[in-house]
Amino acid sequence: MTKGYLCLLVLILLTCTGSCLSATQIPSLPDKSAPINGIQSTNWNVSTLLSGGFNAFGNFINQQQFNESFVTCLGDIEYVSKSVGQHELWALKTTIGNLGISVTSVDIKDVNNIKNDTAAIVSFVILGCFVALCVIGTVLEIRTENTTEKNSSERNTNDQQTNNKEHNGIQSSDRIQRKNFISGTKRLLLTFSVRKNGRNILNSKAPPGSLGCLNGIRVLSIVWVILSHFMETLLNQVENKKDFKDLTSTFWFQVIYNGTLAVDTFFFLSGLLVAYQFIRVVKKTKRISGKGMGLFYFHRYFRLTPLYMIVLMIYTNIAPYFTEGVLSSPLTQSRPENCRKFWWTNLLYINNLYHSGRQEMCMLWSWYLANDMQFYIISPIIVIPLSLGYHVIGFLLLFGMVAGQIISGGYIGWSVGDSGLANSHSSEFFEEIYIKPYARMGVYAVGLLLGYIITNEKNMNISKVKLLIGTVLTAACSMLVTYLTYDKYKEDGDGWNSDANIAYETMFRPVWSLVLFWLIYVCLSGYGGLINTILSWNVWIPLSRITYAAYLVHLIILSSFMADLRKFGYLNMFYIVNNYIGILVLTFGVSFILTILVESPFVGLEKVLLNR
């Protein structure tokens, strides 16, 4: 009753102060009342409310989206259209705020109905098939483990009886074929066993020949990626944007600005492992065959693509049903409709070259996978000469890749007019430089070089003087590439001109690759000390096995969480830590499930198909 009287009081005050509203160019409101959930409230057409402030908000408002919508005195907003975005919400919040009414939450009326979505239903059926295969594989493994010696002896007895029959040649041949078929089918189904795959993932013992420190670097890098994307989405989801702007000008926040270096870390690690594994195989087999090269490419495609396509399917057909709010994330502006049109570019790993614009690309963050696959395809051009002793050719090619990144990044950055994702030319920079292989290949090349060195150097000894000088220079370079932008973004700074931006964007990634080179080289040489102990901690091993899935799904989880909010958050340190930890834990949890359901089974299937 009290709230009902409050609404009536507001209506009287609005009627009495009509002249004041006219002075502020807020239109008069229709006098309509209707009970909502038993509570008396005043209903206003939202398009009428917004018409007074329409021009003031840069024509963000599409009034047709608000037809038949209403605002209540209780501070709740319910939209008919799910297409209403954060700009509209801000405009509505501000316009109604001029009337002395605060908006506390937002709700959606027209939530999508999955019953009419064939693609979503088919997607759920496909996921159900994976779950069913995992159940069958797990049950089969349990039954296999419980097989008694009696069954084994009975099989031996049956085999002897079969061999004693006159026409045993035909029967034993049929039985052998049947047994081989059953055995092969069984092996295929066992690859889906949750118990087996779960044990493999959670096993914290380092496999022989592994490079221990890479596990910690890989996990910390994906944590860095998720943190950077999380902070980027907050800009559009918090109410106190002035406080957020002040936060971005602090010294420590430069780690967030330069979080893109974490992606370069993955490129570096990928190049290192490709060279390390390829050269070791060549040394062992003493040859390079066409069949071996075919398996080299098949392994990579079969290893990455199944999980990639499953996540793409979830993003396209299922993820839209995860959200019912209006606070969409700018990181997911590549709408699911793009995937329905251009999914094949992802399947072919060319989505960073073809239909690669922000408004066209399917899964905006999947550009990394395209680059990584393209680098993998051309890597034999470098590692084969290095493996066969043609060092000069290999080193020249490596140098060409590094020089190509620097030259192309600088020239195209100059032609674009500026460089950086936070500048006025950010869209052009993203599409012409940031996602292109020629602007990333140098970091990958430095990784290839380190892989070659650690494979060929038997005694990796470093003198104390070299260790000291190298460590000091590496520490200085890491601080520069991570925190130099403080001079650009600090509160009392003058910013950087386009030349400074281009110079920084051109050089800080190659410099970061040198930092990684020295850090990993020192750790693998036995001089890493405490840093190597931390990075080689066995706890990182299980987490490192699900980082690929984590990269694929983290933005789906993050954007779903943000877009499902009913109101703007209030930024403070607790808000950041609480929500980030939740996103991080949920990401790794979902990644673990997807790795068990999809990625690990296909790793096992490859071994079965290749009889390994």
Foldseek 3Di string as FASTA:
>chain_A
DVVQVVQVVLVVVCVVCVVVCVVLQFDRFDADWDDDPNHIWGWTQLLSLLVSCCVVLPNPDDSVQRGPWTDTLVQEGETADLQAALSNVVSSQVSVVVSVGGHDFYFYDCQDDCVPPPLLVVLVVVLVVLVVLQVVLQVLVVVVVVDDVVVVVVVVVVVVVLVPDPPSVVVVVVVVVVVVVVVLVSLLSNLLHLVVLVCVLQDLDDDPPDQQLVLLLLLVLLLLVLLLLLLQLLCSFADPNVVSLQVCLDQVVLSSQLSVLSLLVVLLQLLLVLLQVVLVVCVVVVDDDPVNVVVLLVVVLLQQPFLLVSLLSCQQRPLSSLAGFHHFGLQVLCHSVLCVVPVVCLNVLNCLPPLVASPRGRNVLSLSVSLSSVCSVCVCQQSVCLSVVVPVSNVVVLVCLLVQLLVQLLVQLVVLPAEGCPDPSNRVNVNRAVSDNSNSRNLSSLSNVLSSVVNPDPQLDDDPVRLVVLVVVLVVLVCCLRRVCSLQSHPPHPHDGRVVRSVSSSPSSNSVSSSVSSQSSCLSNVNNPPSNCVSSPSSSSSVSLLSSQLSSCLVSLSRSVSRRTTHRHHDDPCVSVVVSVVSVVVSSVVSSVSCSSINSSSVSVVCSVVVD
